[in-house]
Amino acid sequence: MTILVAGSTGTIGSQVLAHLQGRNVEVRALTRSPEKAQLPSGVTPVRGDLADVDSVRAALEGVSTLFLLAPNVADELTQAMLALAVAREAGVKGIVYLSVFKGEAYADVPHFAGKFTVERMIEALDLPTTILRPAYFIQNDLRQKDPLLKFGAYGAPIGAKGVSMVDIRDIGEAAAIELVRREQAGAPLSRETYALVGPDGLTGEGIAAIWSAALGRSIRYGGDDLGVMEQRMKTMLPAWHALDLRLMFARYQTDGAVATAGDIAHLTKLLGRAPRSYAAFAKDAATQWANG
């Protein structure tokens, strides 16, 4: 049978496909533009869009395991729930769903609350699913290159409570491991949940110190001004999305998103190693930037 990866051409989907390579499974990639998709060798592109239910039905023909990553759009919740409904109708035996860390707690953050609602559906229907709850992506901070190098500042307003940021490569590997486990099982497996987190509770000041060491120069934390962040985001994203992100950072500042020792141990067991650190990422990024 076959694994279908939804969200296959995005940041996380690309990592999932890369980590499925060499695992002796047949993989299809759901994409709106199969003719343009740049996919790893051996991966079959399949035309489809989670916003088009009939295209998802067609793409699920012959599929036994689904990786479900719903896009961050205004109707993300509807798309994810309908995709699960169609997968259930199709008799898919295993699902890996990409949720979010602290989704159950951040009730005022739309994309967190939506993902947790999807988790409730999975539990209520007892769907054979691994729920992956990633924290804020470490690689999001590649966008900090210009502020770091030009102004000596780290600009993401994450505050002082701490966030256990996760490396996207760890997300892709964890997803691949669980997809293969469910695909190769003789029958549907019970539900499982993993927090996908890094080993450190990172603060704004702490990250500035990490960059100071990596770049060999003094880096300051840009502060907690969420209004400035929202206005900056609105130059690149729809207004609803910018506000959603502002609300997320507000909760980072007031509550934090720090993993427990149990979260880290559970993920370490799955990966067979410790999760990657922010310091290692920053060191690699600094080297790449220095080399042009």
C-alpha atoms as a PDB file:
ATOM      1  CA  MET A   1       0.000   0.000   0.000  1.00  0.00           C
ATOM      2  CA  THR A   2       0.950   3.676   0.068  1.00  0.00           C
ATOM      3  CA  ILE A   3       1.668   6.697   2.261  1.00  0.00           C
ATOM      4  CA  LEU A   4       0.109   9.997   1.153  1.00  0.00           C
ATOM      5  CA  VAL A   5       1.779  13.198   2.368  1.00  0.00           C
ATOM      6  CA  ALA A   6      -0.462  16.275   2.452  1.00  0.00           C
ATOM      7  CA  GLY A   7       1.335  19.614   2.599  1.00  0.00           C
ATOM      8  CA  SER A   8       4.150  17.906   0.743  1.00  0.00           C
ATOM      9  CA  THR A   9       5.850  20.924  -0.842  1.00  0.00           C
ATOM     10  CA  GLY A  10       5.957  23.138   2.247  1.00  0.00           C
ATOM     11  CA  THR A  11       8.593  23.518   4.933  1.00  0.00           C
ATOM     12  CA  ILE A  12       7.534  20.508   6.998  1.00  0.00           C
ATOM     13  CA  GLY A  13       6.162  18.344   4.192  1.00  0.00           C
ATOM     14  CA  SER A  14       9.497  18.571   2.401  1.00  0.00           C
ATOM     15  CA  GLN A  15      11.247  17.365   5.537  1.00  0.00           C
ATOM     16  CA  VAL A  16       8.812  14.462   5.872  1.00  0.00           C
ATOM     17  CA  LEU A  17       9.444  13.370   2.280  1.00  0.00           C
ATOM     18  CA  ALA A  18      13.205  13.638   2.771  1.00  0.00           C
ATOM     19  CA  HIS A  19      13.096  11.462   5.887  1.00  0.00           C
ATOM     20  CA  LEU A  20      10.886   8.859   4.197  1.00  0.00           C
ATOM     21  CA  GLN A  21      13.618   8.248   1.652  1.00  0.00           C
ATOM     22  CA  GLY A  22      15.252   4.842   1.996  1.00  0.00           C
ATOM     23  CA  ARG A  23      12.595   3.437   4.324  1.00  0.00           C
ATOM     24  CA  ASN A  24      11.182   0.968   1.795  1.00  0.00           C
ATOM     25  CA  VAL A  25       7.703   2.470   1.499  1.00  0.00           C
ATOM     26  CA  GLU A  26       5.695   3.789  -1.438  1.00  0.00           C
ATOM     27  CA  VAL A  27       5.064   7.512  -1.101  1.00  0.00           C
ATOM     28  CA  ARG A  28       2.716   9.911  -2.852  1.00  0.00           C
ATOM     29  CA  ALA A  29       2.786  13.689  -2.453  1.00  0.00           C
ATOM     30  CA  LEU A  30      -0.442  15.680  -2.548  1.00  0.00           C
ATOM     31  CA  THR A  31       0.119  18.896  -4.490  1.00  0.00           C
ATOM     32  CA  ARG A  32      -1.959  21.436  -6.382  1.00  0.00           C
ATOM     33  CA  SER A  33       0.618  21.478  -9.203  1.00  0.00           C
ATOM     34  CA  PRO A  34       2.131  18.026  -9.838  1.00  0.00           C
ATOM     35  CA  GLU A  35       3.847  19.247 -12.982  1.00  0.00           C
ATOM     36  CA  LYS A  36       5.825  21.856 -10.992  1.00  0.00           C
ATOM     37  CA  ALA A  37       6.499  19.950  -7.780  1.00  0.00           C
ATOM     38  CA  GLN A  38      10.167  19.390  -6.932  1.00  0.00           C
ATOM     39  CA  LEU A  39      10.062  16.050  -5.113  1.00  0.00           C
ATOM     40  CA  PRO A  40      12.626  13.449  -4.012  1.00  0.00           C
ATOM     41  CA  SER A  41      13.214  10.545  -6.368  1.00  0.00           C
ATOM     42  CA  GLY A  42      10.656   7.795  -6.088  1.00  0.00           C
ATOM     43  CA  VAL A  43       7.903  10.063  -4.748  1.00  0.00           C
ATOM     44  CA  THR A  44       4.785  10.191  -6.936  1.00  0.00           C
ATOM     45  CA  PRO A  45       3.002  13.557  -7.192  1.00  0.00           C
ATOM     46  CA  VAL A  46      -0.802  13.415  -6.960  1.00  0.00           C
ATOM     47  CA  ARG A  47      -3.013  16.371  -7.817  1.00  0.00           C
ATOM     48  CA  GLY A  48      -5.145  17.527  -4.911  1.00  0.00           C
ATOM     49  CA  ASP A  49      -5.984  20.262  -2.453  1.00  0.00           C
ATOM     50  CA  LEU A  50      -7.420  19.875   1.048  1.00  0.00           C
ATOM     51  CA  ALA A  51      -9.896  22.625   0.144  1.00  0.00           C
ATOM     52  CA  ASP A  52     -11.270  20.349  -2.626  1.00  0.00           C
ATOM     53  CA  VAL A  53     -12.850  17.319  -0.961  1.00  0.00           C
ATOM     54  CA  ASP A  54     -13.333  15.367  -4.178  1.00  0.00           C
ATOM     55  CA  SER A  55      -9.651  15.751  -5.067  1.00  0.00           C
ATOM     56  CA  VAL A  56      -8.743  14.379  -1.633  1.00  0.00           C
ATOM     57  CA  ARG A  57     -11.086  11.415  -2.164  1.00  0.00           C
ATOM     58  CA  ALA A  58      -9.382  10.650  -5.454  1.00  0.00           C
ATOM     59  CA  ALA A  59      -5.895  11.042  -3.986  1.00  0.00           C
ATOM     60  CA  LEU A  60      -6.707   8.616  -1.157  1.00  0.00           C
ATOM     61  CA  GLU A  61      -7.516   5.743  -3.492  1.00  0.00           C
ATOM     62  CA  GLY A  62      -5.082   2.946  -2.668  1.00  0.00           C
ATOM     63  CA  VAL A  63      -3.639   4.848   0.308  1.00  0.00           C
ATOM     64  CA  SER A  64      -3.231   3.113   3.660  1.00  0.00           C
ATOM     65  CA  THR A  65      -1.432   5.802   5.695  1.00  0.00           C
ATOM     66  CA  LEU A  66      -1.900   9.588   5.655  1.00  0.00           C
ATOM     67  CA  PHE A  67       0.295  12.440   6.829  1.00  0.00           C
ATOM     68  CA  LEU A  68      -2.079  15.334   7.447  1.00  0.00           C
ATOM     69  CA  LEU A  69      -0.718  18.844   7.569  1.00  0.00           C
ATOM     70  CA  ALA A  70      -3.445  21.426   7.041  1.00  0.00           C
ATOM     71  CA  PRO A  71      -2.303  24.809   5.708  1.00  0.00           C
ATOM     72  CA  ASN A  72      -2.400  27.885   7.919  1.00  0.00           C
ATOM     73  CA  VAL A  73      -5.414  29.432   6.204  1.00  0.00           C
ATOM     74  CA  ALA A  74      -8.654  30.916   7.501  1.00  0.00           C
ATOM     75  CA  ASP A  75     -10.550  27.634   7.031  1.00  0.00           C
ATOM     76  CA  GLU A  76      -7.763  25.359   8.310  1.00  0.00           C
ATOM     77  CA  LEU A  77     -10.086  23.660  10.808  1.00  0.00           C
ATOM     78  CA  THR A  78     -12.677  22.767   8.161  1.00  0.00           C
ATOM     79  CA  GLN A  79     -10.036  21.454   5.774  1.00  0.00           C
ATOM     80  CA  ALA A  80      -8.441  19.245   8.425  1.00  0.00           C
ATOM     81  CA  MET A  81     -11.716  17.828   9.744  1.00  0.00           C
ATOM     82  CA  LEU A  82     -13.051  17.029   6.280  1.00  0.00           C
ATOM     83  CA  ALA A  83      -9.748  15.405   5.291  1.00  0.00           C
ATOM     84  CA  LEU A  84     -10.034  13.149   8.340  1.00  0.00           C
ATOM     85  CA  ALA A  85     -13.640  12.341   7.489  1.00  0.00           C
ATOM     86  CA  VAL A  86     -12.687  11.378   3.943  1.00  0.00           C
ATOM     87  CA  ALA A  87      -9.713   9.329   5.169  1.00  0.00           C
ATOM     88  CA  ARG A  88     -12.026   7.470   7.535  1.00  0.00           C
ATOM     89  CA  GLU A  89     -14.462   6.746   4.696  1.00  0.00           C
ATOM     90  CA  ALA A  90     -11.571   5.499   2.557  1.00  0.00           C
ATOM     91  CA  GLY A  91     -10.493   3.007   5.216  1.00  0.00           C
ATOM     92  CA  VAL A  92      -7.074   4.555   5.845  1.00  0.00           C
ATOM     93  CA  LYS A  93      -5.503   2.455   8.622  1.00  0.00           C
ATOM     94  CA  GLY A  94      -3.028   4.990   9.951  1.00  0.00           C
ATOM     95  CA  ILE A  95      -2.781   8.777  10.258  1.00  0.00           C
ATOM     96  CA  VAL A  96      -0.056  11.123  11.437  1.00  0.00           C
ATOM     97  CA  TYR A  97      -1.523  14.557  12.203  1.00  0.00           C
ATOM     98  CA  LEU A  98       0.590  17.680  12.653  1.00  0.00           C
ATOM     99  CA  SER A  99      -0.931  19.657  15.526  1.00  0.00           C
ATOM    100  CA  VAL A 100       0.824  22.212  17.757  1.00  0.00           C
ATOM    101  CA  PHE A 101       2.479  22.316  21.174  1.00  0.00           C
ATOM    102  CA  LYS A 102       0.213  23.926  23.815  1.00  0.00           C
ATOM    103  CA  GLY A 103      -2.841  23.777  21.568  1.00  0.00           C
ATOM    104  CA  GLU A 104      -4.995  22.745  24.512  1.00  0.00           C
ATOM    105  CA  ALA A 105      -3.891  25.763  26.575  1.00  0.00           C
ATOM    106  CA  TYR A 106      -3.850  28.661  24.100  1.00  0.00           C
ATOM    107  CA  ALA A 107      -7.620  28.891  23.608  1.00  0.00           C
ATOM    108  CA  ASP A 108      -7.436  32.456  22.272  1.00  0.00           C
ATOM    109  CA  VAL A 109      -4.965  31.695  19.473  1.00  0.00           C
ATOM    110  CA  PRO A 110      -7.010  30.649  16.406  1.00  0.00           C
ATOM    111  CA  HIS A 111      -4.637  28.168  14.796  1.00  0.00           C
ATOM    112  CA  PHE A 112      -3.835  26.577  18.160  1.00  0.00           C
ATOM    113  CA  ALA A 113      -7.513  26.235  19.091  1.00  0.00           C
ATOM    114  CA  GLY A 114      -8.328  24.846  15.646  1.00  0.00           C
ATOM    115  CA  LYS A 115      -5.650  22.168  15.824  1.00  0.00           C
ATOM    116  CA  PHE A 116      -6.791  21.131  19.290  1.00  0.00           C
ATOM    117  CA  THR A 117     -10.361  20.812  17.954  1.00  0.00           C
ATOM    118  CA  VAL A 118      -9.013  18.412  15.333  1.00  0.00           C
ATOM    119  CA  GLU A 119      -7.359  16.453  18.145  1.00  0.00           C
ATOM    120  CA  ARG A 120     -10.751  16.240  19.871  1.00  0.00           C
ATOM    121  CA  MET A 121     -12.252  14.803  16.686  1.00  0.00           C
ATOM    122  CA  ILE A 122      -9.478  12.214  16.499  1.00  0.00           C
ATOM    123  CA  GLU A 123     -10.118  11.183  20.093  1.00  0.00           C
ATOM    124  CA  ALA A 124     -13.909  11.174  19.793  1.00  0.00           C
ATOM    125  CA  LEU A 125     -13.843   8.931  16.711  1.00  0.00           C
ATOM    126  CA  ASP A 126     -10.928   6.851  18.020  1.00  0.00           C
ATOM    127  CA  LEU A 127      -9.016   7.348  14.790  1.00  0.00           C
ATOM    128  CA  PRO A 128      -5.724   5.375  14.565  1.00  0.00           C
ATOM    129  CA  THR A 129      -3.527   8.451  14.737  1.00  0.00           C
ATOM    130  CA  THR A 130      -0.191   9.718  15.934  1.00  0.00           C
ATOM    131  CA  ILE A 131      -0.594  13.347  16.966  1.00  0.00           C
ATOM    132  CA  LEU A 132       2.590  15.376  16.652  1.00  0.00           C
ATOM    133  CA  ARG A 133       2.663  18.649  18.587  1.00  0.00           C
ATOM    134  CA  PRO A 134       5.586  20.775  17.383  1.00  0.00           C
ATOM    135  CA  ALA A 135       6.705  23.873  19.226  1.00  0.00           C
ATOM    136  CA  TYR A 136       7.790  27.034  17.394  1.00  0.00           C
ATOM    137  CA  PHE A 137      10.144  26.094  14.551  1.00  0.00           C
ATOM    138  CA  ILE A 138      13.808  26.945  15.096  1.00  0.00           C
ATOM    139  CA  GLN A 139      14.242  27.553  11.368  1.00  0.00           C
ATOM    140  CA  ASN A 140      11.687  30.377  11.491  1.00  0.00           C
ATOM    141  CA  ASP A 141      14.602  32.369  12.872  1.00  0.00           C
ATOM    142  CA  LEU A 142      16.429  32.224   9.561  1.00  0.00           C
ATOM    143  CA  ARG A 143      14.250  35.287   8.902  1.00  0.00           C
ATOM    144  CA  GLN A 144      16.281  37.038  11.590  1.00  0.00           C
ATOM    145  CA  LYS A 145      19.361  37.125   9.361  1.00  0.00           C
ATOM    146  CA  ASP A 146      19.069  40.810   8.390  1.00  0.00           C
ATOM    147  CA  PRO A 147      18.256  42.117  11.899  1.00  0.00           C
ATOM    148  CA  LEU A 148      21.104  40.050  13.336  1.00  0.00           C
ATOM    149  CA  LEU A 149      23.742  40.957  10.763  1.00  0.00           C
ATOM    150  CA  LYS A 150      22.714  44.531   9.961  1.00  0.00           C
ATOM    151  CA  PHE A 151      21.446  45.796  13.301  1.00  0.00           C
ATOM    152  CA  GLY A 152      22.882  43.414  15.880  1.00  0.00           C
ATOM    153  CA  ALA A 153      19.417  42.536  17.132  1.00  0.00           C
ATOM    154  CA  TYR A 154      17.266  39.437  17.564  1.00  0.00           C
ATOM    155  CA  GLY A 155      13.751  40.522  16.693  1.00  0.00           C
ATOM    156  CA  ALA A 156      11.280  37.729  17.510  1.00  0.00           C
ATOM    157  CA  PRO A 157       9.355  38.949  20.613  1.00  0.00           C
ATOM    158  CA  ILE A 158       9.226  35.650  22.480  1.00  0.00           C
ATOM    159  CA  GLY A 159       9.621  37.162  25.932  1.00  0.00           C
ATOM    160  CA  ALA A 160      11.183  35.813  29.121  1.00  0.00           C
ATOM    161  CA  LYS A 161       9.081  32.756  30.028  1.00  0.00           C
ATOM    162  CA  GLY A 162      10.778  30.341  27.611  1.00  0.00           C
ATOM    163  CA  VAL A 163       9.870  28.438  24.442  1.00  0.00           C
ATOM    164  CA  SER A 164      11.209  24.952  23.636  1.00  0.00           C
ATOM    165  CA  MET A 165      11.753  25.591  19.928  1.00  0.00           C
ATOM    166  CA  VAL A 166      12.086  22.531  17.683  1.00  0.00           C
ATOM    167  CA  ASP A 167      14.287  21.884  14.667  1.00  0.00           C
ATOM    168  CA  ILE A 168      12.201  21.139  11.564  1.00  0.00           C
ATOM    169  CA  ARG A 169      14.472  18.193  10.750  1.00  0.00           C
ATOM    170  CA  ASP A 170      13.362  16.543  13.979  1.00  0.00           C
ATOM    171  CA  ILE A 171       9.732  17.102  12.983  1.00  0.00           C
ATOM    172  CA  GLY A 172      10.298  15.444   9.610  1.00  0.00           C
ATOM    173  CA  GLU A 173      12.133  12.502  11.140  1.00  0.00           C
ATOM    174  CA  ALA A 174       9.529  11.928  13.860  1.00  0.00           C
ATOM    175  CA  ALA A 175       6.741  12.023  11.280  1.00  0.00           C
ATOM    176  CA  ALA A 176       8.566   9.588   8.993  1.00  0.00           C
ATOM    177  CA  ILE A 177       9.195   7.133  11.827  1.00  0.00           C
ATOM    178  CA  GLU A 178       5.534   7.110  12.816  1.00  0.00           C
ATOM    179  CA  LEU A 179       4.274   6.941   9.229  1.00  0.00           C
ATOM    180  CA  VAL A 180       6.405   3.898   8.513  1.00  0.00           C
ATOM    181  CA  ARG A 181       5.451   2.241  11.800  1.00  0.00           C
ATOM    182  CA  ARG A 182       1.760   2.602  11.004  1.00  0.00           C
ATOM    183  CA  GLU A 183       2.199   1.697   7.344  1.00  0.00           C
ATOM    184  CA  GLN A 184       4.039  -1.527   8.122  1.00  0.00           C
ATOM    185  CA  ALA A 185       1.723  -2.632  10.927  1.00  0.00           C
ATOM    186  CA  GLY A 186      -0.623  -5.477  10.139  1.00  0.00           C
ATOM    187  CA  ALA A 187      -3.593  -3.681  11.698  1.00  0.00           C
ATOM    188  CA  PRO A 188      -4.487  -0.157  12.868  1.00  0.00           C
ATOM    189  CA  LEU A 189      -2.469   0.908  15.907  1.00  0.00           C
ATOM    190  CA  SER A 190      -3.693   2.768  18.974  1.00  0.00           C
ATOM    191  CA  ARG A 191      -3.404   6.543  19.286  1.00  0.00           C
ATOM    192  CA  GLU A 192      -0.104   8.126  20.288  1.00  0.00           C
ATOM    193  CA  THR A 193       0.916  11.716  21.023  1.00  0.00           C
ATOM    194  CA  TYR A 194       4.348  13.337  20.961  1.00  0.00           C
ATOM    195  CA  ALA A 195       5.444  16.840  21.870  1.00  0.00           C
ATOM    196  CA  LEU A 196       8.036  17.834  19.278  1.00  0.00           C
ATOM    197  CA  VAL A 197      10.329  20.139  21.195  1.00  0.00           C
ATOM    198  CA  GLY A 198      13.890  21.217  21.650  1.00  0.00           C
ATOM    199  CA  PRO A 199      15.996  20.541  24.732  1.00  0.00           C
ATOM    200  CA  ASP A 200      16.031  24.152  26.024  1.00  0.00           C
ATOM    201  CA  GLY A 201      13.514  26.698  27.270  1.00  0.00           C
ATOM    202  CA  LEU A 202      14.635  29.646  25.160  1.00  0.00           C
ATOM    203  CA  THR A 203      14.012  33.303  26.060  1.00  0.00           C
ATOM    204  CA  GLY A 204      14.568  36.423  24.000  1.00  0.00           C
ATOM    205  CA  GLU A 205      17.629  37.378  26.028  1.00  0.00           C
ATOM    206  CA  GLY A 206      18.887  33.795  25.970  1.00  0.00           C
ATOM    207  CA  ILE A 207      18.630  33.555  22.186  1.00  0.00           C
ATOM    208  CA  ALA A 208      20.419  36.902  21.816  1.00  0.00           C
ATOM    209  CA  ALA A 209      23.256  35.442  23.897  1.00  0.00           C
ATOM    210  CA  ILE A 210      23.373  32.335  21.693  1.00  0.00           C
ATOM    211  CA  TRP A 211      23.659  34.516  18.593  1.00  0.00           C
ATOM    212  CA  SER A 212      26.338  36.648  20.256  1.00  0.00           C
ATOM    213  CA  ALA A 213      28.443  33.513  20.707  1.00  0.00           C
ATOM    214  CA  ALA A 214      27.691  32.161  17.221  1.00  0.00           C
ATOM    215  CA  LEU A 215      28.409  35.428  15.398  1.00  0.00           C
ATOM    216  CA  GLY A 216      31.253  36.631  17.591  1.00  0.00           C
ATOM    217  CA  ARG A 217      29.619  40.014  18.180  1.00  0.00           C
ATOM    218  CA  SER A 218      27.206  41.551  20.650  1.00  0.00           C
ATOM    219  CA  ILE A 219      23.555  40.827  19.828  1.00  0.00           C
ATOM    220  CA  ARG A 220      20.741  42.449  21.798  1.00  0.00           C
ATOM    221  CA  TYR A 221      17.149  41.286  22.232  1.00  0.00           C
ATOM    222  CA  GLY A 222      14.762  43.567  20.349  1.00  0.00           C
ATOM    223  CA  GLY A 223      12.085  43.542  23.027  1.00  0.00           C
ATOM    224  CA  ASP A 224       8.477  42.496  23.508  1.00  0.00           C
ATOM    225  CA  ASP A 225       6.552  45.052  21.405  1.00  0.00           C
ATOM    226  CA  LEU A 226       3.786  43.012  19.775  1.00  0.00           C
ATOM    227  CA  GLY A 227       2.170  45.958  18.020  1.00  0.00           C
ATOM    228  CA  VAL A 228       5.290  46.555  15.964  1.00  0.00           C
ATOM    229  CA  MET A 229       5.463  42.848  15.140  1.00  0.00           C
ATOM    230  CA  GLU A 230       1.842  42.771  13.964  1.00  0.00           C
ATOM    231  CA  GLN A 231       2.331  45.776  11.701  1.00  0.00           C
ATOM    232  CA  ARG A 232       5.450  44.207  10.210  1.00  0.00           C
ATOM    233  CA  MET A 233       3.629  40.915   9.640  1.00  0.00           C
ATOM    234  CA  LYS A 234       0.780  42.741   7.878  1.00  0.00           C
ATOM    235  CA  THR A 235       3.193  43.809   5.144  1.00  0.00           C
ATOM    236  CA  MET A 236       3.717  40.118   4.289  1.00  0.00           C
ATOM    237  CA  LEU A 237       0.559  38.326   5.464  1.00  0.00           C
ATOM    238  CA  PRO A 238      -3.216  38.872   5.586  1.00  0.00           C
ATOM    239  CA  ALA A 239      -4.376  40.903   8.586  1.00  0.00           C
ATOM    240  CA  TRP A 240      -6.100  37.897  10.202  1.00  0.00           C
ATOM    241  CA  HIS A 241      -2.863  35.897  10.027  1.00  0.00           C
ATOM    242  CA  ALA A 242      -0.796  38.726  11.482  1.00  0.00           C
ATOM    243  CA  LEU A 243      -3.176  39.011  14.439  1.00  0.00           C
ATOM    244  CA  ASP A 244      -3.167  35.238  14.930  1.00  0.00           C
ATOM    245  CA  LEU A 245       0.625  35.340  15.221  1.00  0.00           C
ATOM    246  CA  ARG A 246       0.490  38.330  17.559  1.00  0.00           C
ATOM    247  CA  LEU A 247      -1.854  36.402  19.860  1.00  0.00           C
ATOM    248  CA  MET A 248       0.521  33.427  19.800  1.00  0.00           C
ATOM    249  CA  PHE A 249       3.510  35.566  20.784  1.00  0.00           C
ATOM    250  CA  ALA A 250       1.426  37.219  23.495  1.00  0.00           C
ATOM    251  CA  ARG A 251       0.886  33.805  25.064  1.00  0.00           C
ATOM    252  CA  TYR A 252       4.577  32.999  24.712  1.00  0.00           C
ATOM    253  CA  GLN A 253       5.265  36.168  26.696  1.00  0.00           C
ATOM    254  CA  THR A 254       2.673  35.548  29.428  1.00  0.00           C
ATOM    255  CA  ASP A 255       2.748  31.742  29.724  1.00  0.00           C
ATOM    256  CA  GLY A 256       5.737  30.419  27.832  1.00  0.00           C
ATOM    257  CA  ALA A 257       5.837  27.068  26.040  1.00  0.00           C
ATOM    258  CA  VAL A 258       8.465  25.032  27.838  1.00  0.00           C
ATOM    259  CA  ALA A 259       8.633  21.256  27.453  1.00  0.00           C
ATOM    260  CA  THR A 260       8.739  18.947  30.436  1.00  0.00           C
ATOM    261  CA  ALA A 261      11.517  16.441  31.032  1.00  0.00           C
ATOM    262  CA  GLY A 262       8.964  13.770  30.160  1.00  0.00           C
ATOM    263  CA  ASP A 263       8.218  15.435  26.810  1.00  0.00           C
ATOM    264  CA  ILE A 264      11.904  15.482  25.926  1.00  0.00           C
ATOM    265  CA  ALA A 265      12.475  11.889  27.063  1.00  0.00           C
ATOM    266  CA  HIS A 266       9.487  10.655  25.029  1.00  0.00           C
ATOM    267  CA  LEU A 267      10.765  12.364  21.880  1.00  0.00           C
ATOM    268  CA  THR A 268      14.330  11.182  22.514  1.00  0.00           C
ATOM    269  CA  LYS A 269      13.088   7.597  22.638  1.00  0.00           C
ATOM    270  CA  LEU A 270      11.250   8.028  19.338  1.00  0.00           C
ATOM    271  CA  LEU A 271      14.225   9.605  17.551  1.00  0.00           C
ATOM    272  CA  GLY A 272      16.832   7.393  19.166  1.00  0.00           C
ATOM    273  CA  ARG A 273      18.821  10.511  20.088  1.00  0.00           C
ATOM    274  CA  ALA A 274      18.360  13.854  21.794  1.00  0.00           C
ATOM    275  CA  PRO A 275      16.475  16.559  19.867  1.00  0.00           C
ATOM    276  CA  ARG A 276      18.627  19.167  18.152  1.00  0.00           C
ATOM    277  CA  SER A 277      19.452  22.390  20.000  1.00  0.00           C
ATOM    278  CA  TYR A 278      19.045  26.017  19.015  1.00  0.00           C
ATOM    279  CA  ALA A 279      22.745  26.626  19.700  1.00  0.00           C
ATOM    280  CA  ALA A 280      23.716  24.024  17.091  1.00  0.00           C
ATOM    281  CA  PHE A 281      21.354  25.637  14.574  1.00  0.00           C
ATOM    282  CA  ALA A 282      22.752  29.107  15.237  1.00  0.00           C
ATOM    283  CA  LYS A 283      26.330  27.902  14.870  1.00  0.00           C
ATOM    284  CA  ASP A 284      25.541  26.254  11.518  1.00  0.00           C
ATOM    285  CA  ALA A 285      23.612  29.287  10.274  1.00  0.00           C
ATOM    286  CA  ALA A 286      26.405  31.662  11.249  1.00  0.00           C
ATOM    287  CA  THR A 287      28.928  29.517   9.360  1.00  0.00           C
ATOM    288  CA  GLN A 288      26.726  29.435   6.240  1.00  0.00           C
ATOM    289  CA  TRP A 289      26.157  33.193   6.341  1.00  0.00           C
ATOM    290  CA  ALA A 290      29.884  33.797   6.711  1.00  0.00           C
ATOM    291  CA  ASN A 291      30.542  31.623   3.697  1.00  0.00           C
ATOM    292  CA  GLY A 292      27.999  33.486   1.600  1.00  0.00           C
END
